Amino acid sequence: NQSNFTQKLNPVYEAIKITRKNLDKTKSLISFVGAPWTLAVYML
């Protein structure tokens, strides 16, 4: 379920918060995900 999933990955979101706080305001912060197919290749 989505709340367990979010909880497990919470340290990733914390890392983003810390990075944003320490990053120059003029710089962009890019996050990413794998596409469904590419994840399926690994998962299966």
PDB file of all heavy atoms in Angstrom:
ATOM      1  N   ASN A   1       0.849  -1.194   0.000  1.00  0.00           N
ATOM      2  CA  ASN A   1       0.000   0.000   0.000  1.00  0.00           C
ATOM      3  C   ASN A   1       0.886   1.246   0.000  1.00  0.00           C
ATOM      4  O   ASN A   1       2.060   1.187   0.351  1.00  0.00           O
ATOM      5  CB  ASN A   1      -0.995   0.006   1.170  1.00  0.00           C
ATOM      6  CG  ASN A   1      -0.294   0.127   2.499  1.00  0.00           C
ATOM      7  OD1 ASN A   1       0.395   1.104   2.763  1.00  0.00           O
ATOM      8  ND2 ASN A   1      -0.466  -0.880   3.342  1.00  0.00           N
ATOM      9  N   GLN A   2       0.279   2.349  -0.408  1.00  0.00           N
ATOM     10  CA  GLN A   2       1.074   3.549  -0.683  1.00  0.00           C
ATOM     11  C   GLN A   2       1.716   4.143   0.562  1.00  0.00           C
ATOM     12  O   GLN A   2       2.816   4.680   0.492  1.00  0.00           O
ATOM     13  CB  GLN A   2       0.207   4.569  -1.428  1.00  0.00           C
ATOM     14  CG  GLN A   2      -0.145   4.052  -2.826  1.00  0.00           C
ATOM     15  CD  GLN A   2      -0.978   5.004  -3.641  1.00  0.00           C
ATOM     16  OE1 GLN A   2      -1.369   6.062  -3.179  1.00  0.00           O
ATOM     17  NE2 GLN A   2      -1.270   4.626  -4.876  1.00  0.00           N
ATOM     18  N   SER A   3       1.059   4.006   1.726  1.00  0.00           N
ATOM     19  CA  SER A   3       1.672   4.639   2.901  1.00  0.00           C
ATOM     20  C   SER A   3       2.890   3.850   3.385  1.00  0.00           C
ATOM     21  O   SER A   3       3.893   4.441   3.791  1.00  0.00           O
ATOM     22  CB  SER A   3       0.648   4.846   4.020  1.00  0.00           C
ATOM     23  OG  SER A   3       0.179   3.613   4.469  1.00  0.00           O
ATOM     24  N   ASN A   4       2.837   2.510   3.302  1.00  0.00           N
ATOM     25  CA  ASN A   4       4.031   1.710   3.655  1.00  0.00           C
ATOM     26  C   ASN A   4       5.184   2.000   2.709  1.00  0.00           C
ATOM     27  O   ASN A   4       6.338   2.095   3.117  1.00  0.00           O
ATOM     28  CB  ASN A   4       3.721   0.203   3.576  1.00  0.00           C
ATOM     29  CG  ASN A   4       2.917  -0.260   4.771  1.00  0.00           C
ATOM     30  OD1 ASN A   4       2.653   0.520   5.680  1.00  0.00           O
ATOM     31  ND2 ASN A   4       2.518  -1.516   4.769  1.00  0.00           N
ATOM     32  N   PHE A   5       4.826   2.101   1.441  1.00  0.00           N
ATOM     33  CA  PHE A   5       5.805   2.381   0.394  1.00  0.00           C
ATOM     34  C   PHE A   5       6.503   3.721   0.682  1.00  0.00           C
ATOM     35  O   PHE A   5       7.735   3.824   0.675  1.00  0.00           O
ATOM     36  CB  PHE A   5       5.081   2.401  -0.959  1.00  0.00           C
ATOM     37  CG  PHE A   5       5.920   2.836  -2.129  1.00  0.00           C
ATOM     38  CD1 PHE A   5       6.846   1.986  -2.708  1.00  0.00           C
ATOM     39  CD2 PHE A   5       5.751   4.106  -2.684  1.00  0.00           C
ATOM     40  CE1 PHE A   5       7.605   2.380  -3.808  1.00  0.00           C
ATOM     41  CE2 PHE A   5       6.497   4.509  -3.783  1.00  0.00           C
ATOM     42  CZ  PHE A   5       7.425   3.647  -4.337  1.00  0.00           C
ATOM     43  N   THR A   6       5.699   4.738   0.971  1.00  0.00           N
ATOM     44  CA  THR A   6       6.243   6.072   1.265  1.00  0.00           C
ATOM     45  C   THR A   6       7.139   6.029   2.496  1.00  0.00           C
ATOM     46  O   THR A   6       8.215   6.639   2.528  1.00  0.00           O
ATOM     47  CB  THR A   6       5.091   7.085   1.461  1.00  0.00           C
ATOM     48  OG1 THR A   6       4.427   7.242   0.213  1.00  0.00           O
ATOM     49  CG2 THR A   6       5.592   8.439   1.926  1.00  0.00           C
ATOM     50  N   GLN A   7       6.686   5.290   3.505  1.00  0.00           N
ATOM     51  CA  GLN A   7       7.463   5.203   4.750  1.00  0.00           C
ATOM     52  C   GLN A   7       8.829   4.555   4.515  1.00  0.00           C
ATOM     53  O   GLN A   7       9.849   5.027   5.008  1.00  0.00           O
ATOM     54  CB  GLN A   7       6.667   4.385   5.759  1.00  0.00           C
ATOM     55  CG  GLN A   7       7.008   4.736   7.193  1.00  0.00           C
ATOM     56  CD  GLN A   7       6.101   3.979   8.162  1.00  0.00           C
ATOM     57  OE1 GLN A   7       5.047   3.469   7.791  1.00  0.00           O
ATOM     58  NE2 GLN A   7       6.546   3.897   9.400  1.00  0.00           N
ATOM     59  N   LYS A   8       8.822   3.476   3.702  1.00  0.00           N
ATOM     60  CA  LYS A   8      10.083   2.780   3.421  1.00  0.00           C
ATOM     61  C   LYS A   8      11.082   3.674   2.686  1.00  0.00           C
ATOM     62  O   LYS A   8      12.288   3.568   2.873  1.00  0.00           O
ATOM     63  CB  LYS A   8       9.821   1.525   2.562  1.00  0.00           C
ATOM     64  CG  LYS A   8       9.748   0.256   3.378  1.00  0.00           C
ATOM     65  CD  LYS A   8       9.762  -0.979   2.505  1.00  0.00           C
ATOM     66  CE  LYS A   8      11.062  -1.740   2.642  1.00  0.00           C
ATOM     67  NZ  LYS A   8      11.003  -3.102   2.102  1.00  0.00           N
ATOM     68  N   LEU A   9      10.543   4.534   1.837  1.00  0.00           N
ATOM     69  CA  LEU A   9      11.425   5.390   1.029  1.00  0.00           C
ATOM     70  C   LEU A   9      11.598   6.782   1.620  1.00  0.00           C
ATOM     71  O   LEU A   9      12.206   7.661   0.994  1.00  0.00           O
ATOM     72  CB  LEU A   9      10.897   5.477  -0.412  1.00  0.00           C
ATOM     73  CG  LEU A   9      10.887   4.140  -1.175  1.00  0.00           C
ATOM     74  CD1 LEU A   9      10.494   4.355  -2.623  1.00  0.00           C
ATOM     75  CD2 LEU A   9      12.239   3.438  -1.113  1.00  0.00           C
ATOM     76  N   ASN A  10      11.100   6.982   2.826  1.00  0.00           N
ATOM     77  CA  ASN A  10      11.184   8.307   3.445  1.00  0.00           C
ATOM     78  C   ASN A  10      12.604   8.889   3.486  1.00  0.00           C
ATOM     79  O   ASN A  10      12.792  10.088   3.269  1.00  0.00           O
ATOM     80  CB  ASN A  10      10.562   8.285   4.843  1.00  0.00           C
ATOM     81  CG  ASN A  10      10.321   9.691   5.331  1.00  0.00           C
ATOM     82  OD1 ASN A  10       9.767  10.532   4.623  1.00  0.00           O
ATOM     83  ND2 ASN A  10      10.805   9.989   6.524  1.00  0.00           N
ATOM     84  N   PRO A  11      13.657   8.062   3.754  1.00  0.00           N
ATOM     85  CA  PRO A  11      15.018   8.619   3.770  1.00  0.00           C
ATOM     86  C   PRO A  11      15.412   9.279   2.441  1.00  0.00           C
ATOM     87  O   PRO A  11      16.195  10.233   2.431  1.00  0.00           O
ATOM     88  CB  PRO A  11      15.901   7.399   4.053  1.00  0.00           C
ATOM     89  CG  PRO A  11      15.010   6.439   4.777  1.00  0.00           C
ATOM     90  CD  PRO A  11      13.642   6.642   4.189  1.00  0.00           C
ATOM     91  N   VAL A  12      14.861   8.792   1.333  1.00  0.00           N
ATOM     92  CA  VAL A  12      15.137   9.410   0.022  1.00  0.00           C
ATOM     93  C   VAL A  12      14.570  10.831   0.015  1.00  0.00           C
ATOM     94  O   VAL A  12      15.212  11.777  -0.449  1.00  0.00           O
ATOM     95  CB  VAL A  12      14.517   8.578  -1.129  1.00  0.00           C
ATOM     96  CG1 VAL A  12      14.717   9.259  -2.486  1.00  0.00           C
ATOM     97  CG2 VAL A  12      15.095   7.169  -1.148  1.00  0.00           C
ATOM     98  N   TYR A  13      13.350  10.969   0.555  1.00  0.00           N
ATOM     99  CA  TYR A  13      12.698  12.289   0.556  1.00  0.00           C
ATOM    100  C   TYR A  13      13.412  13.233   1.534  1.00  0.00           C
ATOM    101  O   TYR A  13      13.537  14.425   1.258  1.00  0.00           O
ATOM    102  CB  TYR A  13      11.204  12.152   0.881  1.00  0.00           C
ATOM    103  CG  TYR A  13      10.548  11.037   0.088  1.00  0.00           C
ATOM    104  CD1 TYR A  13       9.696  10.108   0.683  1.00  0.00           C
ATOM    105  CD2 TYR A  13      10.827  10.878  -1.280  1.00  0.00           C
ATOM    106  CE1 TYR A  13       9.131   9.065  -0.046  1.00  0.00           C
ATOM    107  CE2 TYR A  13      10.267   9.836  -2.013  1.00  0.00           C
ATOM    108  CZ  TYR A  13       9.423   8.927  -1.395  1.00  0.00           C
ATOM    109  OH  TYR A  13       8.881   7.897  -2.119  1.00  0.00           O
ATOM    110  N   GLU A  14      13.895  12.681   2.629  1.00  0.00           N
ATOM    111  CA  GLU A  14      14.668  13.490   3.580  1.00  0.00           C
ATOM    112  C   GLU A  14      15.941  14.015   2.915  1.00  0.00           C
ATOM    113  O   GLU A  14      16.324  15.165   3.097  1.00  0.00           O
ATOM    114  CB  GLU A  14      15.038  12.649   4.822  1.00  0.00           C
ATOM    115  CG  GLU A  14      13.890  12.453   5.798  1.00  0.00           C
ATOM    116  CD  GLU A  14      13.251  13.760   6.262  1.00  0.00           C
ATOM    117  OE1 GLU A  14      13.992  14.695   6.630  1.00  0.00           O
ATOM    118  OE2 GLU A  14      12.003  13.853   6.230  1.00  0.00           O
ATOM    119  N   ALA A  15      16.591  13.138   2.131  1.00  0.00           N
ATOM    120  CA  ALA A  15      17.819  13.535   1.420  1.00  0.00           C
ATOM    121  C   ALA A  15      17.529  14.704   0.476  1.00  0.00           C
ATOM    122  O   ALA A  15      18.335  15.631   0.348  1.00  0.00           O
ATOM    123  CB  ALA A  15      18.374  12.358   0.633  1.00  0.00           C
ATOM    124  N   ILE A  16      16.359  14.671  -0.167  1.00  0.00           N
ATOM    125  CA  ILE A  16      15.982  15.754  -1.083  1.00  0.00           C
ATOM    126  C   ILE A  16      15.789  17.058  -0.300  1.00  0.00           C
ATOM    127  O   ILE A  16      16.254  18.121  -0.717  1.00  0.00           O
ATOM    128  CB  ILE A  16      14.715  15.379  -1.890  1.00  0.00           C
ATOM    129  CG1 ILE A  16      15.047  14.223  -2.856  1.00  0.00           C
ATOM    130  CG2 ILE A  16      14.165  16.580  -2.666  1.00  0.00           C
ATOM    131  CD1 ILE A  16      13.871  13.654  -3.616  1.00  0.00           C
ATOM    132  N   LYS A  17      15.128  16.949   0.867  1.00  0.00           N
ATOM    133  CA  LYS A  17      14.913  18.159   1.698  1.00  0.00           C
ATOM    134  C   LYS A  17      16.245  18.791   2.091  1.00  0.00           C
ATOM    135  O   LYS A  17      16.427  20.004   1.982  1.00  0.00           O
ATOM    136  CB  LYS A  17      14.134  17.792   2.975  1.00  0.00           C
ATOM    137  CG  LYS A  17      12.656  17.616   2.739  1.00  0.00           C
ATOM    138  CD  LYS A  17      11.923  17.231   4.023  1.00  0.00           C
ATOM    139  CE  LYS A  17      10.509  16.762   3.716  1.00  0.00           C
ATOM    140  NZ  LYS A  17       9.917  16.003   4.816  1.00  0.00           N
ATOM    141  N   ILE A  18      17.175  17.952   2.535  1.00  0.00           N
ATOM    142  CA  ILE A  18      18.494  18.452   2.974  1.00  0.00           C
ATOM    143  C   ILE A  18      19.235  19.080   1.785  1.00  0.00           C
ATOM    144  O   ILE A  18      19.824  20.156   1.889  1.00  0.00           O
ATOM    145  CB  ILE A  18      19.347  17.303   3.589  1.00  0.00           C
ATOM    146  CG1 ILE A  18      18.642  16.717   4.811  1.00  0.00           C
ATOM    147  CG2 ILE A  18      20.744  17.792   3.972  1.00  0.00           C
ATOM    148  CD1 ILE A  18      19.220  15.371   5.281  1.00  0.00           C
ATOM    149  N   THR A  19      19.165  18.393   0.647  1.00  0.00           N
ATOM    150  CA  THR A  19      19.867  18.883  -0.549  1.00  0.00           C
ATOM    151  C   THR A  19      19.296  20.237  -0.977  1.00  0.00           C
ATOM    152  O   THR A  19      20.048  21.178  -1.254  1.00  0.00           O
ATOM    153  CB  THR A  19      19.747  17.866  -1.708  1.00  0.00           C
ATOM    154  OG1 THR A  19      20.172  16.596  -1.228  1.00  0.00           O
ATOM    155  CG2 THR A  19      20.597  18.262  -2.898  1.00  0.00           C
ATOM    156  N   ARG A  20      17.971  20.316  -0.999  1.00  0.00           N
ATOM    157  CA  ARG A  20      17.337  21.578  -1.427  1.00  0.00           C
ATOM    158  C   ARG A  20      17.731  22.733  -0.515  1.00  0.00           C
ATOM    159  O   ARG A  20      18.001  23.843  -0.959  1.00  0.00           O
ATOM    160  CB  ARG A  20      15.817  21.392  -1.448  1.00  0.00           C
ATOM    161  CG  ARG A  20      14.994  22.550  -1.962  1.00  0.00           C
ATOM    162  CD  ARG A  20      15.172  22.862  -3.431  1.00  0.00           C
ATOM    163  NE  ARG A  20      16.262  23.794  -3.714  1.00  0.00           N
ATOM    164  CZ  ARG A  20      16.607  24.167  -4.932  1.00  0.00           C
ATOM    165  NH1 ARG A  20      16.003  23.670  -5.995  1.00  0.00           N
ATOM    166  NH2 ARG A  20      17.591  25.009  -5.115  1.00  0.00           N
ATOM    167  N   LYS A  21      17.807  22.419   0.788  1.00  0.00           N
ATOM    168  CA  LYS A  21      18.148  23.457   1.771  1.00  0.00           C
ATOM    169  C   LYS A  21      19.576  23.980   1.554  1.00  0.00           C
ATOM    170  O   LYS A  21      19.861  25.158   1.712  1.00  0.00           O
ATOM    171  CB  LYS A  21      18.004  22.880   3.188  1.00  0.00           C
ATOM    172  CG  LYS A  21      17.733  23.954   4.228  1.00  0.00           C
ATOM    173  CD  LYS A  21      17.391  23.350   5.569  1.00  0.00           C
ATOM    174  CE  LYS A  21      18.671  23.044   6.331  1.00  0.00           C
ATOM    175  NZ  LYS A  21      18.458  22.233   7.525  1.00  0.00           N
ATOM    176  N   ASN A  22      20.477  23.058   1.141  1.00  0.00           N
ATOM    177  CA  ASN A  22      21.893  23.429   0.994  1.00  0.00           C
ATOM    178  C   ASN A  22      22.287  23.792  -0.431  1.00  0.00           C
ATOM    179  O   ASN A  22      23.455  24.076  -0.701  1.00  0.00           O
ATOM    180  CB  ASN A  22      22.774  22.291   1.496  1.00  0.00           C
ATOM    181  CG  ASN A  22      22.607  22.101   2.989  1.00  0.00           C
ATOM    182  OD1 ASN A  22      22.813  23.022   3.769  1.00  0.00           O
ATOM    183  ND2 ASN A  22      22.203  20.908   3.397  1.00  0.00           N
ATOM    184  N   LEU A  23      21.318  23.762  -1.334  1.00  0.00           N
ATOM    185  CA  LEU A  23      21.594  24.034  -2.735  1.00  0.00           C
ATOM    186  C   LEU A  23      21.329  25.503  -3.034  1.00  0.00           C
ATOM    187  O   LEU A  23      20.344  26.064  -2.557  1.00  0.00           O
ATOM    188  CB  LEU A  23      20.684  23.138  -3.597  1.00  0.00           C
ATOM    189  CG  LEU A  23      20.914  23.086  -5.099  1.00  0.00           C
ATOM    190  CD1 LEU A  23      22.304  22.549  -5.433  1.00  0.00           C
ATOM    191  CD2 LEU A  23      19.855  22.188  -5.759  1.00  0.00           C
ATOM    192  N   ASP A  24      22.204  26.093  -3.807  1.00  0.00           N
ATOM    193  CA  ASP A  24      22.022  27.475  -4.254  1.00  0.00           C
ATOM    194  C   ASP A  24      20.608  27.621  -4.846  1.00  0.00           C
ATOM    195  O   ASP A  24      20.164  26.796  -5.639  1.00  0.00           O
ATOM    196  CB  ASP A  24      23.102  27.713  -5.339  1.00  0.00           C
ATOM    197  CG  ASP A  24      23.035  29.093  -5.943  1.00  0.00           C
ATOM    198  OD1 ASP A  24      21.953  29.705  -5.944  1.00  0.00           O
ATOM    199  OD2 ASP A  24      24.077  29.557  -6.438  1.00  0.00           O
ATOM    200  N   LYS A  25      19.929  28.688  -4.446  1.00  0.00           N
ATOM    201  CA  LYS A  25      18.519  28.900  -4.864  1.00  0.00           C
ATOM    202  C   LYS A  25      18.359  28.942  -6.386  1.00  0.00           C
ATOM    203  O   LYS A  25      17.291  28.669  -6.916  1.00  0.00           O
ATOM    204  CB  LYS A  25      17.990  30.221  -4.292  1.00  0.00           C
ATOM    205  CG  LYS A  25      17.935  30.280  -2.763  1.00  0.00           C
ATOM    206  CD  LYS A  25      16.685  29.583  -2.230  1.00  0.00           C
ATOM    207  CE  LYS A  25      16.652  29.568  -0.710  1.00  0.00           C
ATOM    208  NZ  LYS A  25      17.614  28.615  -0.117  1.00  0.00           N
ATOM    209  N   THR A  26      19.427  29.328  -7.111  1.00  0.00           N
ATOM    210  CA  THR A  26      19.304  29.458  -8.572  1.00  0.00           C
ATOM    211  C   THR A  26      19.446  28.115  -9.279  1.00  0.00           C
ATOM    212  O   THR A  26      19.262  28.016 -10.479  1.00  0.00           O
ATOM    213  CB  THR A  26      20.382  30.411  -9.130  1.00  0.00           C
ATOM    214  OG1 THR A  26      21.667  29.811  -8.863  1.00  0.00           O
ATOM    215  CG2 THR A  26      20.314  31.781  -8.495  1.00  0.00           C
ATOM    216  N   LYS A  27      19.808  27.063  -8.521  1.00  0.00           N
ATOM    217  CA  LYS A  27      20.047  25.756  -9.151  1.00  0.00           C
ATOM    218  C   LYS A  27      18.802  24.864  -9.052  1.00  0.00           C
ATOM    219  O   LYS A  27      18.092  24.887  -8.058  1.00  0.00           O
ATOM    220  CB  LYS A  27      21.215  25.026  -8.480  1.00  0.00           C
ATOM    221  CG  LYS A  27      22.488  25.849  -8.344  1.00  0.00           C
ATOM    222  CD  LYS A  27      23.226  25.992  -9.660  1.00  0.00           C
ATOM    223  CE  LYS A  27      24.551  26.719  -9.457  1.00  0.00           C
ATOM    224  NZ  LYS A  27      25.242  26.932 -10.712  1.00  0.00           N
ATOM    225  N   SER A  28      18.636  24.070 -10.075  1.00  0.00           N
ATOM    226  CA  SER A  28      17.510  23.140 -10.123  1.00  0.00           C
ATOM    227  C   SER A  28      17.865  21.854  -9.376  1.00  0.00           C
ATOM    228  O   SER A  28      19.049  21.522  -9.247  1.00  0.00           O
ATOM    229  CB  SER A  28      17.257  22.830 -11.599  1.00  0.00           C
ATOM    230  OG  SER A  28      16.019  22.248 -11.760  1.00  0.00           O
ATOM    231  N   LEU A  29      16.864  21.146  -8.876  1.00  0.00           N
ATOM    232  CA  LEU A  29      17.103  19.841  -8.225  1.00  0.00           C
ATOM    233  C   LEU A  29      16.254  18.796  -8.943  1.00  0.00           C
ATOM    234  O   LEU A  29      15.023  18.847  -8.938  1.00  0.00           O
ATOM    235  CB  LEU A  29      16.762  19.902  -6.733  1.00  0.00           C
ATOM    236  CG  LEU A  29      16.942  18.604  -5.933  1.00  0.00           C
ATOM    237  CD1 LEU A  29      18.346  18.014  -6.098  1.00  0.00           C
ATOM    238  CD2 LEU A  29      16.647  18.830  -4.452  1.00  0.00           C
ATOM    239  N   ILE A  30      16.940  17.865  -9.599  1.00  0.00           N
ATOM    240  CA  ILE A  30      16.261  16.858 -10.427  1.00  0.00           C
ATOM    241  C   ILE A  30      16.121  15.551  -9.656  1.00  0.00           C
ATOM    242  O   ILE A  30      17.073  15.064  -9.060  1.00  0.00           O
ATOM    243  CB  ILE A  30      17.060  16.616 -11.726  1.00  0.00           C
ATOM    244  CG1 ILE A  30      17.234  17.937 -12.499  1.00  0.00           C
ATOM    245  CG2 ILE A  30      16.375  15.572 -12.611  1.00  0.00           C
ATOM    246  CD1 ILE A  30      18.228  17.856 -13.656  1.00  0.00           C
ATOM    247  N   SER A  31      14.912  15.011  -9.672  1.00  0.00           N
ATOM    248  CA  SER A  31      14.683  13.679  -9.094  1.00  0.00           C
ATOM    249  C   SER A  31      14.405  12.731 -10.266  1.00  0.00           C
ATOM    250  O   SER A  31      14.266  13.175 -11.400  1.00  0.00           O
ATOM    251  CB  SER A  31      13.487  13.721  -8.156  1.00  0.00           C
ATOM    252  OG  SER A  31      12.338  14.133  -8.870  1.00  0.00           O
ATOM    253  N   PHE A  32      14.315  11.444  -9.996  1.00  0.00           N
ATOM    254  CA  PHE A  32      14.086  10.526 -11.119  1.00  0.00           C
ATOM    255  C   PHE A  32      13.410   9.239 -10.666  1.00  0.00           C
ATOM    256  O   PHE A  32      13.382   8.903  -9.477  1.00  0.00           O
ATOM    257  CB  PHE A  32      15.400  10.207 -11.842  1.00  0.00           C
ATOM    258  CG  PHE A  32      16.432   9.520 -10.972  1.00  0.00           C
ATOM    259  CD1 PHE A  32      16.473   8.133 -10.885  1.00  0.00           C
ATOM    260  CD2 PHE A  32      17.355  10.261 -10.251  1.00  0.00           C
ATOM    261  CE1 PHE A  32      17.416   7.506 -10.081  1.00  0.00           C
ATOM    262  CE2 PHE A  32      18.304   9.632  -9.452  1.00  0.00           C
ATOM    263  CZ  PHE A  32      18.336   8.248  -9.367  1.00  0.00           C
ATOM    264  N   VAL A  33      12.867   8.531 -11.649  1.00  0.00           N
ATOM    265  CA  VAL A  33      12.307   7.184 -11.434  1.00  0.00           C
ATOM    266  C   VAL A  33      12.682   6.331 -12.643  1.00  0.00           C
ATOM    267  O   VAL A  33      13.012   6.863 -13.704  1.00  0.00           O
ATOM    268  CB  VAL A  33      10.764   7.198 -11.296  1.00  0.00           C
ATOM    269  CG1 VAL A  33      10.307   7.948 -10.059  1.00  0.00           C
ATOM    270  CG2 VAL A  33      10.097   7.753 -12.547  1.00  0.00           C
ATOM    271  N   GLY A  34      12.595   5.025 -12.489  1.00  0.00           N
ATOM    272  CA  GLY A  34      12.710   4.128 -13.637  1.00  0.00           C
ATOM    273  C   GLY A  34      11.335   4.005 -14.268  1.00  0.00           C
ATOM    274  O   GLY A  34      10.317   4.106 -13.574  1.00  0.00           O
ATOM    275  N   ALA A  35      11.291   3.817 -15.573  1.00  0.00           N
ATOM    276  CA  ALA A  35      10.004   3.596 -16.244  1.00  0.00           C
ATOM    277  C   ALA A  35       9.499   2.195 -15.904  1.00  0.00           C
ATOM    278  O   ALA A  35      10.286   1.309 -15.552  1.00  0.00           O
ATOM    279  CB  ALA A  35      10.185   3.744 -17.749  1.00  0.00           C
ATOM    280  N   PRO A  36       8.179   1.960 -16.014  1.00  0.00           N
ATOM    281  CA  PRO A  36       7.620   0.641 -15.653  1.00  0.00           C
ATOM    282  C   PRO A  36       8.336  -0.537 -16.327  1.00  0.00           C
ATOM    283  O   PRO A  36       8.689  -1.516 -15.655  1.00  0.00           O
ATOM    284  CB  PRO A  36       6.165   0.752 -16.099  1.00  0.00           C
ATOM    285  CG  PRO A  36       5.848   2.203 -15.907  1.00  0.00           C
ATOM    286  CD  PRO A  36       7.103   2.932 -16.307  1.00  0.00           C
ATOM    287  N   TRP A  37       8.573  -0.450 -17.633  1.00  0.00           N
ATOM    288  CA  TRP A  37       9.216  -1.575 -18.330  1.00  0.00           C
ATOM    289  C   TRP A  37      10.610  -1.864 -17.779  1.00  0.00           C
ATOM    290  O   TRP A  37      10.973  -3.001 -17.493  1.00  0.00           O
ATOM    291  CB  TRP A  37       9.292  -1.308 -19.843  1.00  0.00           C
ATOM    292  CG  TRP A  37      10.342  -2.148 -20.528  1.00  0.00           C
ATOM    293  CD1 TRP A  37      11.575  -1.732 -20.927  1.00  0.00           C
ATOM    294  CD2 TRP A  37      10.262  -3.538 -20.865  1.00  0.00           C
ATOM    295  NE1 TRP A  37      12.274  -2.773 -21.495  1.00  0.00           N
ATOM    296  CE2 TRP A  37      11.491  -3.902 -21.471  1.00  0.00           C
ATOM    297  CE3 TRP A  37       9.274  -4.528 -20.718  1.00  0.00           C
ATOM    298  CZ2 TRP A  37      11.760  -5.192 -21.936  1.00  0.00           C
ATOM    299  CZ3 TRP A  37       9.537  -5.814 -21.180  1.00  0.00           C
ATOM    300  CH2 TRP A  37      10.771  -6.148 -21.769  1.00  0.00           C
ATOM    301  N   THR A  38      11.421  -0.826 -17.631  1.00  0.00           N
ATOM    302  CA  THR A  38      12.796  -1.021 -17.157  1.00  0.00           C
ATOM    303  C   THR A  38      12.806  -1.624 -15.756  1.00  0.00           C
ATOM    304  O   THR A  38      13.610  -2.516 -15.456  1.00  0.00           O
ATOM    305  CB  THR A  38      13.570   0.317 -17.225  1.00  0.00           C
ATOM    306  OG1 THR A  38      13.820   0.594 -18.614  1.00  0.00           O
ATOM    307  CG2 THR A  38      14.893   0.260 -16.482  1.00  0.00           C
ATOM    308  N   LEU A  39      11.887  -1.189 -14.902  1.00  0.00           N
ATOM    309  CA  LEU A  39      11.807  -1.786 -13.560  1.00  0.00           C
ATOM    310  C   LEU A  39      11.372  -3.252 -13.653  1.00  0.00           C
ATOM    311  O   LEU A  39      11.898  -4.106 -12.950  1.00  0.00           O
ATOM    312  CB  LEU A  39      10.841  -0.993 -12.677  1.00  0.00           C
ATOM    313  CG  LEU A  39      11.324   0.409 -12.298  1.00  0.00           C
ATOM    314  CD1 LEU A  39      10.295   1.114 -11.426  1.00  0.00           C
ATOM    315  CD2 LEU A  39      12.670   0.367 -11.571  1.00  0.00           C
ATOM    316  N   ALA A  40      10.425  -3.531 -14.562  1.00  0.00           N
ATOM    317  CA  ALA A  40       9.953  -4.908 -14.736  1.00  0.00           C
ATOM    318  C   ALA A  40      11.080  -5.836 -15.186  1.00  0.00           C
ATOM    319  O   ALA A  40      11.154  -6.993 -14.762  1.00  0.00           O
ATOM    320  CB  ALA A  40       8.794  -4.945 -15.740  1.00  0.00           C
ATOM    321  N   VAL A  41      11.982  -5.325 -16.036  1.00  0.00           N
ATOM    322  CA  VAL A  41      13.119  -6.124 -16.499  1.00  0.00           C
ATOM    323  C   VAL A  41      13.937  -6.611 -15.296  1.00  0.00           C
ATOM    324  O   VAL A  41      14.326  -7.781 -15.215  1.00  0.00           O
ATOM    325  CB  VAL A  41      14.018  -5.297 -17.467  1.00  0.00           C
ATOM    326  CG1 VAL A  41      15.350  -5.982 -17.705  1.00  0.00           C
ATOM    327  CG2 VAL A  41      13.295  -5.082 -18.798  1.00  0.00           C
ATOM    328  N   TYR A  42      14.160  -5.712 -14.334  1.00  0.00           N
ATOM    329  CA  TYR A  42      14.909  -6.093 -13.127  1.00  0.00           C
ATOM    330  C   TYR A  42      14.057  -6.952 -12.188  1.00  0.00           C
ATOM    331  O   TYR A  42      14.520  -7.955 -11.663  1.00  0.00           O
ATOM    332  CB  TYR A  42      15.374  -4.836 -12.374  1.00  0.00           C
ATOM    333  CG  TYR A  42      16.475  -4.087 -13.081  1.00  0.00           C
ATOM    334  CD1 TYR A  42      16.261  -2.833 -13.638  1.00  0.00           C
ATOM    335  CD2 TYR A  42      17.754  -4.636 -13.190  1.00  0.00           C
ATOM    336  CE1 TYR A  42      17.277  -2.140 -14.279  1.00  0.00           C
ATOM    337  CE2 TYR A  42      18.784  -3.953 -13.831  1.00  0.00           C
ATOM    338  CZ  TYR A  42      18.536  -2.704 -14.374  1.00  0.00           C
ATOM    339  OH  TYR A  42      19.544  -2.027 -15.008  1.00  0.00           O
ATOM    340  N   MET A  43      12.812  -6.548 -11.987  1.00  0.00           N
ATOM    341  CA  MET A  43      11.962  -7.220 -10.995  1.00  0.00           C
ATOM    342  C   MET A  43      11.641  -8.659 -11.386  1.00  0.00           C
ATOM    343  O   MET A  43      11.541  -9.536 -10.537  1.00  0.00           O
ATOM    344  CB  MET A  43      10.685  -6.410 -10.772  1.00  0.00           C
ATOM    345  CG  MET A  43      10.953  -5.069 -10.081  1.00  0.00           C
ATOM    346  SD  MET A  43       9.522  -3.958 -10.070  1.00  0.00           S
ATOM    347  CE  MET A  43       8.582  -4.639  -8.693  1.00  0.00           C
ATOM    348  N   LEU A  44      11.492  -8.886 -12.704  1.00  0.00           N
ATOM    349  CA  LEU A  44      11.159 -10.238 -13.177  1.00  0.00           C
ATOM    350  C   LEU A  44      12.390 -10.981 -13.711  1.00  0.00           C
ATOM    351  O   LEU A  44      12.283 -12.103 -14.179  1.00  0.00           O
ATOM    352  CB  LEU A  44      10.087 -10.165 -14.277  1.00  0.00           C
ATOM    353  CG  LEU A  44       8.745  -9.550 -13.872  1.00  0.00           C
ATOM    354  CD1 LEU A  44       7.846  -9.376 -15.086  1.00  0.00           C
ATOM    355  CD2 LEU A  44       8.032 -10.406 -12.829  1.00  0.00           C
TER     356      LEU A  44
END
